[in-house]
Amino acid sequence: MRRERQNQDGFKLKTTEMQVHFITLDEFIQLMSKYGIMKDPQTAKSKVKLYKDNQGNLEGDGLCCYLKKESVDLTLKLLDEDEIRGYELHVEVAKFLLKREYDGSKKKF
């Protein structure tokens, strides 16, 4: 029986999102699409994002959202610590942290 990953608070993690460092958008899409489907079924667009600094330059970090959890496991197993253009890739399950307190009263309905 396969155990699900848990965060430090004991919550089950069922994320299908990955972070990858040191890569361009075209390389990112080409590389990550080898391990699973990243397209939104409704829009048919790839669900990827590369982070930019204040000047609009790529920071080298990206986010990829796969359709299935198994793609995340496969990517972790095969791609982490791999090399592209002389850079070692670091692949990890995406972690989302609250930047500030959540205020439910500001929610739009």
PDB file of N, CA and C in Angstrom:
ATOM      1  N   MET A   1       0.844  -1.191   0.000  1.00  0.00           N
ATOM      2  CA  MET A   1       0.000   0.000   0.000  1.00  0.00           C
ATOM      3  C   MET A   1       0.884   1.248   0.000  1.00  0.00           C
ATOM      4  N   ARG A   2       0.576   2.158  -0.894  1.00  0.00           N
ATOM      5  CA  ARG A   2       1.370   3.380  -1.012  1.00  0.00           C
ATOM      6  C   ARG A   2       0.873   4.433  -0.026  1.00  0.00           C
ATOM      7  N   ARG A   3       1.814   4.981   0.739  1.00  0.00           N
ATOM      8  CA  ARG A   3       1.444   6.032   1.684  1.00  0.00           C
ATOM      9  C   ARG A   3       1.460   7.377   0.996  1.00  0.00           C
ATOM     10  N   GLU A   4       0.542   8.221   1.377  1.00  0.00           N
ATOM     11  CA  GLU A   4       0.529   9.574   0.831  1.00  0.00           C
ATOM     12  C   GLU A   4       1.480  10.426   1.645  1.00  0.00           C
ATOM     13  N   ARG A   5       2.114  11.368   0.981  1.00  0.00           N
ATOM     14  CA  ARG A   5       3.012  12.276   1.684  1.00  0.00           C
ATOM     15  C   ARG A   5       2.206  13.168   2.606  1.00  0.00           C
ATOM     16  N   GLN A   6       2.840  13.534   3.704  1.00  0.00           N
ATOM     17  CA  GLN A   6       2.194  14.438   4.647  1.00  0.00           C
ATOM     18  C   GLN A   6       3.123  15.602   4.929  1.00  0.00           C
ATOM     19  N   ASN A   7       2.519  16.776   5.144  1.00  0.00           N
ATOM     20  CA  ASN A   7       3.342  17.916   5.513  1.00  0.00           C
ATOM     21  C   ASN A   7       3.637  17.847   7.006  1.00  0.00           C
ATOM     22  N   GLN A   8       4.330  18.835   7.524  1.00  0.00           N
ATOM     23  CA  GLN A   8       4.747  18.802   8.916  1.00  0.00           C
ATOM     24  C   GLN A   8       3.586  18.861   9.905  1.00  0.00           C
ATOM     25  N   ASP A   9       2.399  19.322   9.441  1.00  0.00           N
ATOM     26  CA  ASP A   9       1.228  19.362  10.313  1.00  0.00           C
ATOM     27  C   ASP A   9       0.402  18.082  10.209  1.00  0.00           C
ATOM     28  N   GLY A  10       0.835  17.136   9.379  1.00  0.00           N
ATOM     29  CA  GLY A  10       0.127  15.871   9.250  1.00  0.00           C
ATOM     30  C   GLY A  10      -0.957  15.861   8.190  1.00  0.00           C
ATOM     31  N   PHE A  11      -1.102  16.940   7.415  1.00  0.00           N
ATOM     32  CA  PHE A  11      -2.109  16.979   6.364  1.00  0.00           C
ATOM     33  C   PHE A  11      -1.620  16.207   5.155  1.00  0.00           C
ATOM     34  N   LYS A  12      -2.512  15.488   4.500  1.00  0.00           N
ATOM     35  CA  LYS A  12      -2.142  14.742   3.304  1.00  0.00           C
ATOM     36  C   LYS A  12      -1.892  15.709   2.157  1.00  0.00           C
ATOM     37  N   LEU A  13      -0.844  15.445   1.394  1.00  0.00           N
ATOM     38  CA  LEU A  13      -0.518  16.261   0.232  1.00  0.00           C
ATOM     39  C   LEU A  13      -0.958  15.515  -1.022  1.00  0.00           C
ATOM     40  N   LYS A  14      -1.817  16.135  -1.811  1.00  0.00           N
ATOM     41  CA  LYS A  14      -2.270  15.536  -3.065  1.00  0.00           C
ATOM     42  C   LYS A  14      -2.022  16.510  -4.204  1.00  0.00           C
ATOM     43  N   THR A  15      -0.922  17.207  -4.145  1.00  0.00           N
ATOM     44  CA  THR A  15      -0.644  18.228  -5.141  1.00  0.00           C
ATOM     45  C   THR A  15      -0.189  17.618  -6.447  1.00  0.00           C
ATOM     46  N   THR A  16      -0.511  18.294  -7.524  1.00  0.00           N
ATOM     47  CA  THR A  16      -0.056  17.869  -8.848  1.00  0.00           C
ATOM     48  C   THR A  16       0.836  18.947  -9.440  1.00  0.00           C
ATOM     49  N   GLU A  17       1.408  19.783  -8.587  1.00  0.00           N
ATOM     50  CA  GLU A  17       2.226  20.895  -9.052  1.00  0.00           C
ATOM     51  C   GLU A  17       3.682  20.697  -8.655  1.00  0.00           C
ATOM     52  N   MET A  18       4.564  21.115  -9.557  1.00  0.00           N
ATOM     53  CA  MET A  18       5.999  20.941  -9.378  1.00  0.00           C
ATOM     54  C   MET A  18       6.702  22.278  -9.561  1.00  0.00           C
ATOM     55  N   GLN A  19       7.853  22.432  -8.909  1.00  0.00           N
ATOM     56  CA  GLN A  19       8.718  23.581  -9.138  1.00  0.00           C
ATOM     57  C   GLN A  19      10.030  23.099  -9.718  1.00  0.00           C
ATOM     58  N   VAL A  20      10.540  23.831 -10.703  1.00  0.00           N
ATOM     59  CA  VAL A  20      11.810  23.507 -11.338  1.00  0.00           C
ATOM     60  C   VAL A  20      12.624  24.785 -11.414  1.00  0.00           C
ATOM     61  N   HIS A  21      13.937  24.683 -11.220  1.00  0.00           N
ATOM     62  CA  HIS A  21      14.809  25.848 -11.207  1.00  0.00           C
ATOM     63  C   HIS A  21      15.760  25.840 -12.399  1.00  0.00           C
ATOM     64  N   PHE A  22      16.153  27.030 -12.900  1.00  0.00           N
ATOM     65  CA  PHE A  22      17.137  27.253 -13.966  1.00  0.00           C
ATOM     66  C   PHE A  22      16.684  26.755 -15.334  1.00  0.00           C
ATOM     67  N   ILE A  23      15.678  27.389 -15.918  1.00  0.00           N
ATOM     68  CA  ILE A  23      15.171  26.923 -17.204  1.00  0.00           C
ATOM     69  C   ILE A  23      14.375  28.034 -17.895  1.00  0.00           C
ATOM     70  N   THR A  24      14.305  28.007 -19.242  1.00  0.00           N
ATOM     71  CA  THR A  24      13.491  28.963 -19.997  1.00  0.00           C
ATOM     72  C   THR A  24      12.111  28.358 -20.255  1.00  0.00           C
ATOM     73  N   LEU A  25      11.164  29.178 -20.722  1.00  0.00           N
ATOM     74  CA  LEU A  25       9.791  28.708 -20.914  1.00  0.00           C
ATOM     75  C   LEU A  25       9.709  27.566 -21.915  1.00  0.00           C
ATOM     76  N   ASP A  26      10.336  27.714 -23.085  1.00  0.00           N
ATOM     77  CA  ASP A  26      10.278  26.654 -24.095  1.00  0.00           C
ATOM     78  C   ASP A  26      10.911  25.354 -23.581  1.00  0.00           C
ATOM     79  N   GLU A  27      12.062  25.478 -22.928  1.00  0.00           N
ATOM     80  CA  GLU A  27      12.726  24.297 -22.364  1.00  0.00           C
ATOM     81  C   GLU A  27      11.845  23.663 -21.286  1.00  0.00           C
ATOM     82  N   PHE A  28      11.232  24.515 -20.502  1.00  0.00           N
ATOM     83  CA  PHE A  28      10.389  24.055 -19.401  1.00  0.00           C
ATOM     84  C   PHE A  28       9.214  23.233 -19.923  1.00  0.00           C
ATOM     85  N   ILE A  29       8.498  23.758 -20.896  1.00  0.00           N
ATOM     86  CA  ILE A  29       7.343  23.048 -21.455  1.00  0.00           C
ATOM     87  C   ILE A  29       7.781  21.747 -22.115  1.00  0.00           C
ATOM     88  N   GLN A  30       8.836  21.813 -22.906  1.00  0.00           N
ATOM     89  CA  GLN A  30       9.331  20.621 -23.593  1.00  0.00           C
ATOM     90  C   GLN A  30       9.774  19.546 -22.598  1.00  0.00           C
ATOM     91  N   LEU A  31      10.496  19.952 -21.574  1.00  0.00           N
ATOM     92  CA  LEU A  31      11.022  19.011 -20.587  1.00  0.00           C
ATOM     93  C   LEU A  31       9.907  18.398 -19.739  1.00  0.00           C
ATOM     94  N   MET A  32       9.031  19.216 -19.205  1.00  0.00           N
ATOM     95  CA  MET A  32       8.019  18.728 -18.277  1.00  0.00           C
ATOM     96  C   MET A  32       6.919  17.923 -18.974  1.00  0.00           C
ATOM     97  N   SER A  33       6.663  18.190 -20.243  1.00  0.00           N
ATOM     98  CA  SER A  33       5.615  17.457 -20.955  1.00  0.00           C
ATOM     99  C   SER A  33       6.005  15.997 -21.204  1.00  0.00           C
ATOM    100  N   LYS A  34       7.274  15.657 -21.032  1.00  0.00           N
ATOM    101  CA  LYS A  34       7.718  14.270 -21.178  1.00  0.00           C
ATOM    102  C   LYS A  34       7.184  13.380 -20.061  1.00  0.00           C
ATOM    103  N   TYR A  35       6.815  13.972 -18.936  1.00  0.00           N
ATOM    104  CA  TYR A  35       6.459  13.200 -17.751  1.00  0.00           C
ATOM    105  C   TYR A  35       4.966  13.172 -17.452  1.00  0.00           C
ATOM    106  N   GLY A  36       4.178  13.920 -18.209  1.00  0.00           N
ATOM    107  CA  GLY A  36       2.735  13.887 -17.992  1.00  0.00           C
ATOM    108  C   GLY A  36       2.024  15.014 -18.709  1.00  0.00           C
ATOM    109  N   ILE A  37       0.704  14.984 -18.626  1.00  0.00           N
ATOM    110  CA  ILE A  37      -0.141  15.978 -19.286  1.00  0.00           C
ATOM    111  C   ILE A  37      -0.217  17.223 -18.418  1.00  0.00           C
ATOM    112  N   MET A  38       0.087  18.378 -19.027  1.00  0.00           N
ATOM    113  CA  MET A  38       0.065  19.650 -18.301  1.00  0.00           C
ATOM    114  C   MET A  38      -1.009  20.585 -18.840  1.00  0.00           C
ATOM    115  N   LYS A  39      -1.812  20.125 -19.756  1.00  0.00           N
ATOM    116  CA  LYS A  39      -2.798  21.000 -20.390  1.00  0.00           C
ATOM    117  C   LYS A  39      -4.090  21.042 -19.590  1.00  0.00           C
ATOM    118  N   ASP A  40      -4.655  22.217 -19.524  1.00  0.00           N
ATOM    119  CA  ASP A  40      -5.961  22.393 -18.909  1.00  0.00           C
ATOM    120  C   ASP A  40      -6.990  21.798 -19.868  1.00  0.00           C
ATOM    121  N   PRO A  41      -7.810  20.841 -19.433  1.00  0.00           N
ATOM    122  CA  PRO A  41      -8.761  20.195 -20.339  1.00  0.00           C
ATOM    123  C   PRO A  41      -9.777  21.161 -20.954  1.00  0.00           C
ATOM    124  N   GLN A  42     -10.077  22.255 -20.283  1.00  0.00           N
ATOM    125  CA  GLN A  42     -11.078  23.196 -20.792  1.00  0.00           C
ATOM    126  C   GLN A  42     -10.493  24.196 -21.775  1.00  0.00           C
ATOM    127  N   THR A  43      -9.265  24.651 -21.531  1.00  0.00           N
ATOM    128  CA  THR A  43      -8.674  25.681 -22.399  1.00  0.00           C
ATOM    129  C   THR A  43      -7.632  25.129 -23.358  1.00  0.00           C
ATOM    130  N   ALA A  44      -7.150  23.917 -23.120  1.00  0.00           N
ATOM    131  CA  ALA A  44      -6.104  23.272 -23.922  1.00  0.00           C
ATOM    132  C   ALA A  44      -4.772  24.035 -23.874  1.00  0.00           C
ATOM    133  N   LYS A  45      -4.586  24.882 -22.871  1.00  0.00           N
ATOM    134  CA  LYS A  45      -3.322  25.601 -22.685  1.00  0.00           C
ATOM    135  C   LYS A  45      -2.489  24.885 -21.634  1.00  0.00           C
ATOM    136  N   SER A  46      -1.167  24.942 -21.809  1.00  0.00           N
ATOM    137  CA  SER A  46      -0.268  24.354 -20.820  1.00  0.00           C
ATOM    138  C   SER A  46      -0.369  25.129 -19.511  1.00  0.00           C
ATOM    139  N   LYS A  47      -0.381  24.393 -18.414  1.00  0.00           N
ATOM    140  CA  LYS A  47      -0.478  25.023 -17.098  1.00  0.00           C
ATOM    141  C   LYS A  47       0.926  25.148 -16.516  1.00  0.00           C
ATOM    142  N   VAL A  48       1.648  26.152 -17.004  1.00  0.00           N
ATOM    143  CA  VAL A  48       3.015  26.408 -16.563  1.00  0.00           C
ATOM    144  C   VAL A  48       3.190  27.893 -16.258  1.00  0.00           C
ATOM    145  N   LYS A  49       4.149  28.174 -15.404  1.00  0.00           N
ATOM    146  CA  LYS A  49       4.445  29.565 -15.070  1.00  0.00           C
ATOM    147  C   LYS A  49       5.928  29.660 -14.752  1.00  0.00           C
ATOM    148  N   LEU A  50       6.571  30.681 -15.307  1.00  0.00           N
ATOM    149  CA  LEU A  50       7.953  30.986 -14.946  1.00  0.00           C
ATOM    150  C   LEU A  50       7.956  32.302 -14.187  1.00  0.00           C
ATOM    151  N   TYR A  51       8.685  32.347 -13.096  1.00  0.00           N
ATOM    152  CA  TYR A  51       8.715  33.533 -12.253  1.00  0.00           C
ATOM    153  C   TYR A  51       9.698  34.561 -12.799  1.00  0.00           C
ATOM    154  N   LYS A  52       9.323  35.844 -12.664  1.00  0.00           N
ATOM    155  CA  LYS A  52      10.160  36.950 -13.135  1.00  0.00           C
ATOM    156  C   LYS A  52      10.455  37.894 -11.983  1.00  0.00           C
ATOM    157  N   ASP A  53      11.580  38.606 -12.093  1.00  0.00           N
ATOM    158  CA  ASP A  53      11.927  39.607 -11.089  1.00  0.00           C
ATOM    159  C   ASP A  53      11.213  40.919 -11.410  1.00  0.00           C
ATOM    160  N   ASN A  54      11.510  41.967 -10.662  1.00  0.00           N
ATOM    161  CA  ASN A  54      10.848  43.264 -10.849  1.00  0.00           C
ATOM    162  C   ASN A  54      11.117  43.898 -12.206  1.00  0.00           C
ATOM    163  N   GLN A  55      12.238  43.551 -12.829  1.00  0.00           N
ATOM    164  CA  GLN A  55      12.574  44.094 -14.147  1.00  0.00           C
ATOM    165  C   GLN A  55      12.011  43.244 -15.286  1.00  0.00           C
ATOM    166  N   GLY A  56      11.335  42.152 -14.972  1.00  0.00           N
ATOM    167  CA  GLY A  56      10.750  41.296 -15.990  1.00  0.00           C
ATOM    168  C   GLY A  56      11.681  40.213 -16.498  1.00  0.00           C
ATOM    169  N   ASN A  57      12.836  40.064 -15.877  1.00  0.00           N
ATOM    170  CA  ASN A  57      13.789  39.013 -16.264  1.00  0.00           C
ATOM    171  C   ASN A  57      13.419  37.702 -15.577  1.00  0.00           C
ATOM    172  N   LEU A  58      13.600  36.587 -16.293  1.00  0.00           N
ATOM    173  CA  LEU A  58      13.304  35.286 -15.702  1.00  0.00           C
ATOM    174  C   LEU A  58      14.244  35.015 -14.538  1.00  0.00           C
ATOM    175  N   GLU A  59      13.686  34.511 -13.438  1.00  0.00           N
ATOM    176  CA  GLU A  59      14.491  34.173 -12.269  1.00  0.00           C
ATOM    177  C   GLU A  59      15.090  32.780 -12.393  1.00  0.00           C
ATOM    178  N   GLY A  60      14.531  31.948 -13.263  1.00  0.00           N
ATOM    179  CA  GLY A  60      15.004  30.577 -13.413  1.00  0.00           C
ATOM    180  C   GLY A  60      14.164  29.572 -12.664  1.00  0.00           C
ATOM    181  N   ASP A  61      13.093  30.016 -12.028  1.00  0.00           N
ATOM    182  CA  ASP A  61      12.184  29.128 -11.313  1.00  0.00           C
ATOM    183  C   ASP A  61      10.875  29.032 -12.078  1.00  0.00           C
ATOM    184  N   GLY A  62      10.271  27.856 -12.058  1.00  0.00           N
ATOM    185  CA  GLY A  62       9.011  27.676 -12.755  1.00  0.00           C
ATOM    186  C   GLY A  62       8.066  26.783 -11.990  1.00  0.00           C
ATOM    187  N   LEU A  63       6.806  26.828 -12.366  1.00  0.00           N
ATOM    188  CA  LEU A  63       5.759  26.023 -11.755  1.00  0.00           C
ATOM    189  C   LEU A  63       5.017  25.300 -12.862  1.00  0.00           C
ATOM    190  N   CYS A  64       4.756  24.034 -12.655  1.00  0.00           N
ATOM    191  CA  CYS A  64       4.075  23.195 -13.634  1.00  0.00           C
ATOM    192  C   CYS A  64       2.942  22.474 -12.920  1.00  0.00           C
ATOM    193  N   CYS A  65       1.774  22.445 -13.520  1.00  0.00           N
ATOM    194  CA  CYS A  65       0.640  21.743 -12.923  1.00  0.00           C
ATOM    195  C   CYS A  65       0.251  20.572 -13.826  1.00  0.00           C
ATOM    196  N   TYR A  66       0.475  19.367 -13.332  1.00  0.00           N
ATOM    197  CA  TYR A  66       0.122  18.159 -14.077  1.00  0.00           C
ATOM    198  C   TYR A  66      -1.334  17.788 -13.844  1.00  0.00           C
ATOM    199  N   LEU A  67      -1.871  17.030 -14.767  1.00  0.00           N
ATOM    200  CA  LEU A  67      -3.248  16.555 -14.654  1.00  0.00           C
ATOM    201  C   LEU A  67      -3.361  15.448 -13.608  1.00  0.00           C
ATOM    202  N   LYS A  68      -2.317  14.615 -13.484  1.00  0.00           N
ATOM    203  CA  LYS A  68      -2.369  13.483 -12.557  1.00  0.00           C
ATOM    204  C   LYS A  68      -1.194  13.490 -11.584  1.00  0.00           C
ATOM    205  N   LYS A  69      -1.445  13.014 -10.382  1.00  0.00           N
ATOM    206  CA  LYS A  69      -0.442  12.943  -9.310  1.00  0.00           C
ATOM    207  C   LYS A  69       0.726  12.041  -9.685  1.00  0.00           C
ATOM    208  N   GLU A  70       0.462  10.988 -10.437  1.00  0.00           N
ATOM    209  CA  GLU A  70       1.516  10.055 -10.819  1.00  0.00           C
ATOM    210  C   GLU A  70       2.613  10.735 -11.637  1.00  0.00           C
ATOM    211  N   SER A  71       2.254  11.769 -12.376  1.00  0.00           N
ATOM    212  CA  SER A  71       3.244  12.516 -13.153  1.00  0.00           C
ATOM    213  C   SER A  71       4.229  13.235 -12.242  1.00  0.00           C
ATOM    214  N   VAL A  72       3.754  13.702 -11.105  1.00  0.00           N
ATOM    215  CA  VAL A  72       4.621  14.366 -10.130  1.00  0.00           C
ATOM    216  C   VAL A  72       5.638  13.368  -9.594  1.00  0.00           C
ATOM    217  N   ASP A  73       5.177  12.182  -9.224  1.00  0.00           N
ATOM    218  CA  ASP A  73       6.082  11.158  -8.697  1.00  0.00           C
ATOM    219  C   ASP A  73       7.135  10.763  -9.731  1.00  0.00           C
ATOM    220  N   LEU A  74       6.707  10.607 -10.973  1.00  0.00           N
ATOM    221  CA  LEU A  74       7.630  10.243 -12.051  1.00  0.00           C
ATOM    222  C   LEU A  74       8.673  11.336 -12.277  1.00  0.00           C
ATOM    223  N   THR A  75       8.225  12.585 -12.280  1.00  0.00           N
ATOM    224  CA  THR A  75       9.140  13.712 -12.483  1.00  0.00           C
ATOM    225  C   THR A  75      10.159  13.786 -11.352  1.00  0.00           C
ATOM    226  N   LEU A  76       9.711  13.627 -10.127  1.00  0.00           N
ATOM    227  CA  LEU A  76      10.629  13.639  -8.980  1.00  0.00           C
ATOM    228  C   LEU A  76      11.678  12.545  -9.111  1.00  0.00           C
ATOM    229  N   LYS A  77      11.239  11.374  -9.495  1.00  0.00           N
ATOM    230  CA  LYS A  77      12.132  10.222  -9.579  1.00  0.00           C
ATOM    231  C   LYS A  77      13.174  10.378 -10.692  1.00  0.00           C
ATOM    232  N   LEU A  78      12.749  10.886 -11.855  1.00  0.00           N
ATOM    233  CA  LEU A  78      13.623  10.892 -13.016  1.00  0.00           C
ATOM    234  C   LEU A  78      14.342  12.214 -13.293  1.00  0.00           C
ATOM    235  N   LEU A  79      13.806  13.331 -12.824  1.00  0.00           N
ATOM    236  CA  LEU A  79      14.339  14.622 -13.238  1.00  0.00           C
ATOM    237  C   LEU A  79      15.127  15.365 -12.164  1.00  0.00           C
ATOM    238  N   ASP A  80      14.840  15.123 -10.890  1.00  0.00           N
ATOM    239  CA  ASP A  80      15.552  15.844  -9.833  1.00  0.00           C
ATOM    240  C   ASP A  80      17.043  15.528  -9.904  1.00  0.00           C
ATOM    241  N   GLU A  81      17.856  16.555  -9.829  1.00  0.00           N
ATOM    242  CA  GLU A  81      19.317  16.503  -9.895  1.00  0.00           C
ATOM    243  C   GLU A  81      19.837  16.125 -11.280  1.00  0.00           C
ATOM    244  N   ASP A  82      18.966  16.183 -12.296  1.00  0.00           N
ATOM    245  CA  ASP A  82      19.404  16.001 -13.677  1.00  0.00           C
ATOM    246  C   ASP A  82      20.092  17.303 -14.113  1.00  0.00           C
ATOM    247  N   GLU A  83      20.690  17.318 -15.296  1.00  0.00           N
ATOM    248  CA  GLU A  83      21.413  18.497 -15.747  1.00  0.00           C
ATOM    249  C   GLU A  83      20.889  18.981 -17.094  1.00  0.00           C
ATOM    250  N   ILE A  84      20.779  20.303 -17.236  1.00  0.00           N
ATOM    251  CA  ILE A  84      20.393  20.916 -18.500  1.00  0.00           C
ATOM    252  C   ILE A  84      21.265  22.152 -18.703  1.00  0.00           C
ATOM    253  N   ARG A  85      21.898  22.252 -19.867  1.00  0.00           N
ATOM    254  CA  ARG A  85      22.795  23.366 -20.207  1.00  0.00           C
ATOM    255  C   ARG A  85      23.825  23.643 -19.121  1.00  0.00           C
ATOM    256  N   GLY A  86      24.320  22.613 -18.459  1.00  0.00           N
ATOM    257  CA  GLY A  86      25.351  22.794 -17.437  1.00  0.00           C
ATOM    258  C   GLY A  86      24.809  23.137 -16.054  1.00  0.00           C
ATOM    259  N   TYR A  87      23.509  23.312 -15.921  1.00  0.00           N
ATOM    260  CA  TYR A  87      22.891  23.596 -14.625  1.00  0.00           C
ATOM    261  C   TYR A  87      22.257  22.331 -14.069  1.00  0.00           C
ATOM    262  N   GLU A  88      22.421  22.125 -12.790  1.00  0.00           N
ATOM    263  CA  GLU A  88      21.740  21.008 -12.144  1.00  0.00           C
ATOM    264  C   GLU A  88      20.310  21.440 -11.834  1.00  0.00           C
ATOM    265  N   LEU A  89      19.351  20.629 -12.248  1.00  0.00           N
ATOM    266  CA  LEU A  89      17.946  20.927 -11.985  1.00  0.00           C
ATOM    267  C   LEU A  89      17.568  20.479 -10.588  1.00  0.00           C
ATOM    268  N   HIS A  90      16.732  21.258  -9.966  1.00  0.00           N
ATOM    269  CA  HIS A  90      16.160  20.871  -8.678  1.00  0.00           C
ATOM    270  C   HIS A  90      14.648  20.846  -8.869  1.00  0.00           C
ATOM    271  N   VAL A  91      14.051  19.683  -8.705  1.00  0.00           N
ATOM    272  CA  VAL A  91      12.614  19.507  -8.892  1.00  0.00           C
ATOM    273  C   VAL A  91      12.021  19.129  -7.545  1.00  0.00           C
ATOM    274  N   GLU A  92      10.936  19.774  -7.182  1.00  0.00           N
ATOM    275  CA  GLU A  92      10.283  19.473  -5.911  1.00  0.00           C
ATOM    276  C   GLU A  92       8.789  19.698  -6.026  1.00  0.00           C
ATOM    277  N   VAL A  93       8.048  19.097  -5.112  1.00  0.00           N
ATOM    278  CA  VAL A  93       6.618  19.333  -5.048  1.00  0.00           C
ATOM    279  C   VAL A  93       6.416  20.776  -4.618  1.00  0.00           C
ATOM    280  N   ALA A  94       5.533  21.469  -5.306  1.00  0.00           N
ATOM    281  CA  ALA A  94       5.301  22.887  -5.007  1.00  0.00           C
ATOM    282  C   ALA A  94       4.734  23.045  -3.604  1.00  0.00           C
ATOM    283  N   LYS A  95       5.225  24.072  -2.913  1.00  0.00           N
ATOM    284  CA  LYS A  95       4.751  24.393  -1.565  1.00  0.00           C
ATOM    285  C   LYS A  95       4.127  25.772  -1.610  1.00  0.00           C
ATOM    286  N   PHE A  96       2.917  25.868  -1.168  1.00  0.00           N
ATOM    287  CA  PHE A  96       2.227  27.149  -1.163  1.00  0.00           C
ATOM    288  C   PHE A  96       2.043  27.602   0.278  1.00  0.00           C
ATOM    289  N   LEU A  97       2.558  28.781   0.566  1.00  0.00           N
ATOM    290  CA  LEU A  97       2.485  29.325   1.915  1.00  0.00           C
ATOM    291  C   LEU A  97       1.662  30.598   1.913  1.00  0.00           C
ATOM    292  N   LEU A  98       0.902  30.800   2.974  1.00  0.00           N
ATOM    293  CA  LEU A  98       0.145  32.027   3.122  1.00  0.00           C
ATOM    294  C   LEU A  98       1.116  33.161   3.411  1.00  0.00           C
ATOM    295  N   LYS A  99       1.016  34.242   2.670  1.00  0.00           N
ATOM    296  CA  LYS A  99       1.899  35.383   2.895  1.00  0.00           C
ATOM    297  C   LYS A  99       1.367  36.294   3.996  1.00  0.00           C
ATOM    298  N   ARG A 100       0.083  36.201   4.247  1.00  0.00           N
ATOM    299  CA  ARG A 100      -0.521  37.008   5.317  1.00  0.00           C
ATOM    300  C   ARG A 100      -1.737  36.265   5.852  1.00  0.00           C
ATOM    301  N   GLU A 101      -2.314  36.782   6.917  1.00  0.00           N
ATOM    302  CA  GLU A 101      -3.497  36.179   7.512  1.00  0.00           C
ATOM    303  C   GLU A 101      -4.671  36.225   6.542  1.00  0.00           C
ATOM    304  N   TYR A 102      -5.429  35.168   6.494  1.00  0.00           N
ATOM    305  CA  TYR A 102      -6.625  35.106   5.656  1.00  0.00           C
ATOM    306  C   TYR A 102      -7.758  35.850   6.343  1.00  0.00           C
ATOM    307  N   ASP A 103      -8.412  36.748   5.618  1.00  0.00           N
ATOM    308  CA  ASP A 103      -9.554  37.495   6.140  1.00  0.00           C
ATOM    309  C   ASP A 103     -10.769  37.144   5.300  1.00  0.00           C
ATOM    310  N   GLY A 104     -11.618  36.268   5.819  1.00  0.00           N
ATOM    311  CA  GLY A 104     -12.796  35.799   5.111  1.00  0.00           C
ATOM    312  C   GLY A 104     -13.820  36.881   4.828  1.00  0.00           C
ATOM    313  N   SER A 105     -13.790  37.968   5.587  1.00  0.00           N
ATOM    314  CA  SER A 105     -14.761  39.049   5.379  1.00  0.00           C
ATOM    315  C   SER A 105     -14.504  39.804   4.069  1.00  0.00           C
ATOM    316  N   LYS A 106     -13.299  39.686   3.511  1.00  0.00           N
ATOM    317  CA  LYS A 106     -12.972  40.394   2.279  1.00  0.00           C
ATOM    318  C   LYS A 106     -13.287  39.550   1.036  1.00  0.00           C
ATOM    319  N   LYS A 107     -13.789  38.341   1.246  1.00  0.00           N
ATOM    320  CA  LYS A 107     -14.091  37.461   0.132  1.00  0.00           C
ATOM    321  C   LYS A 107     -15.237  38.026  -0.701  1.00  0.00           C
ATOM    322  N   LYS A 108     -15.051  38.015  -2.023  1.00  0.00           N
ATOM    323  CA  LYS A 108     -16.091  38.519  -2.907  1.00  0.00           C
ATOM    324  C   LYS A 108     -17.052  37.386  -3.238  1.00  0.00           C
ATOM    325  N   PHE A 109     -18.318  37.708  -3.248  1.00  0.00           N
ATOM    326  CA  PHE A 109     -19.333  36.700  -3.579  1.00  0.00           C
ATOM    327  C   PHE A 109     -19.967  36.986  -4.884  1.00  0.00           C
TER     328      PHE A 109
END
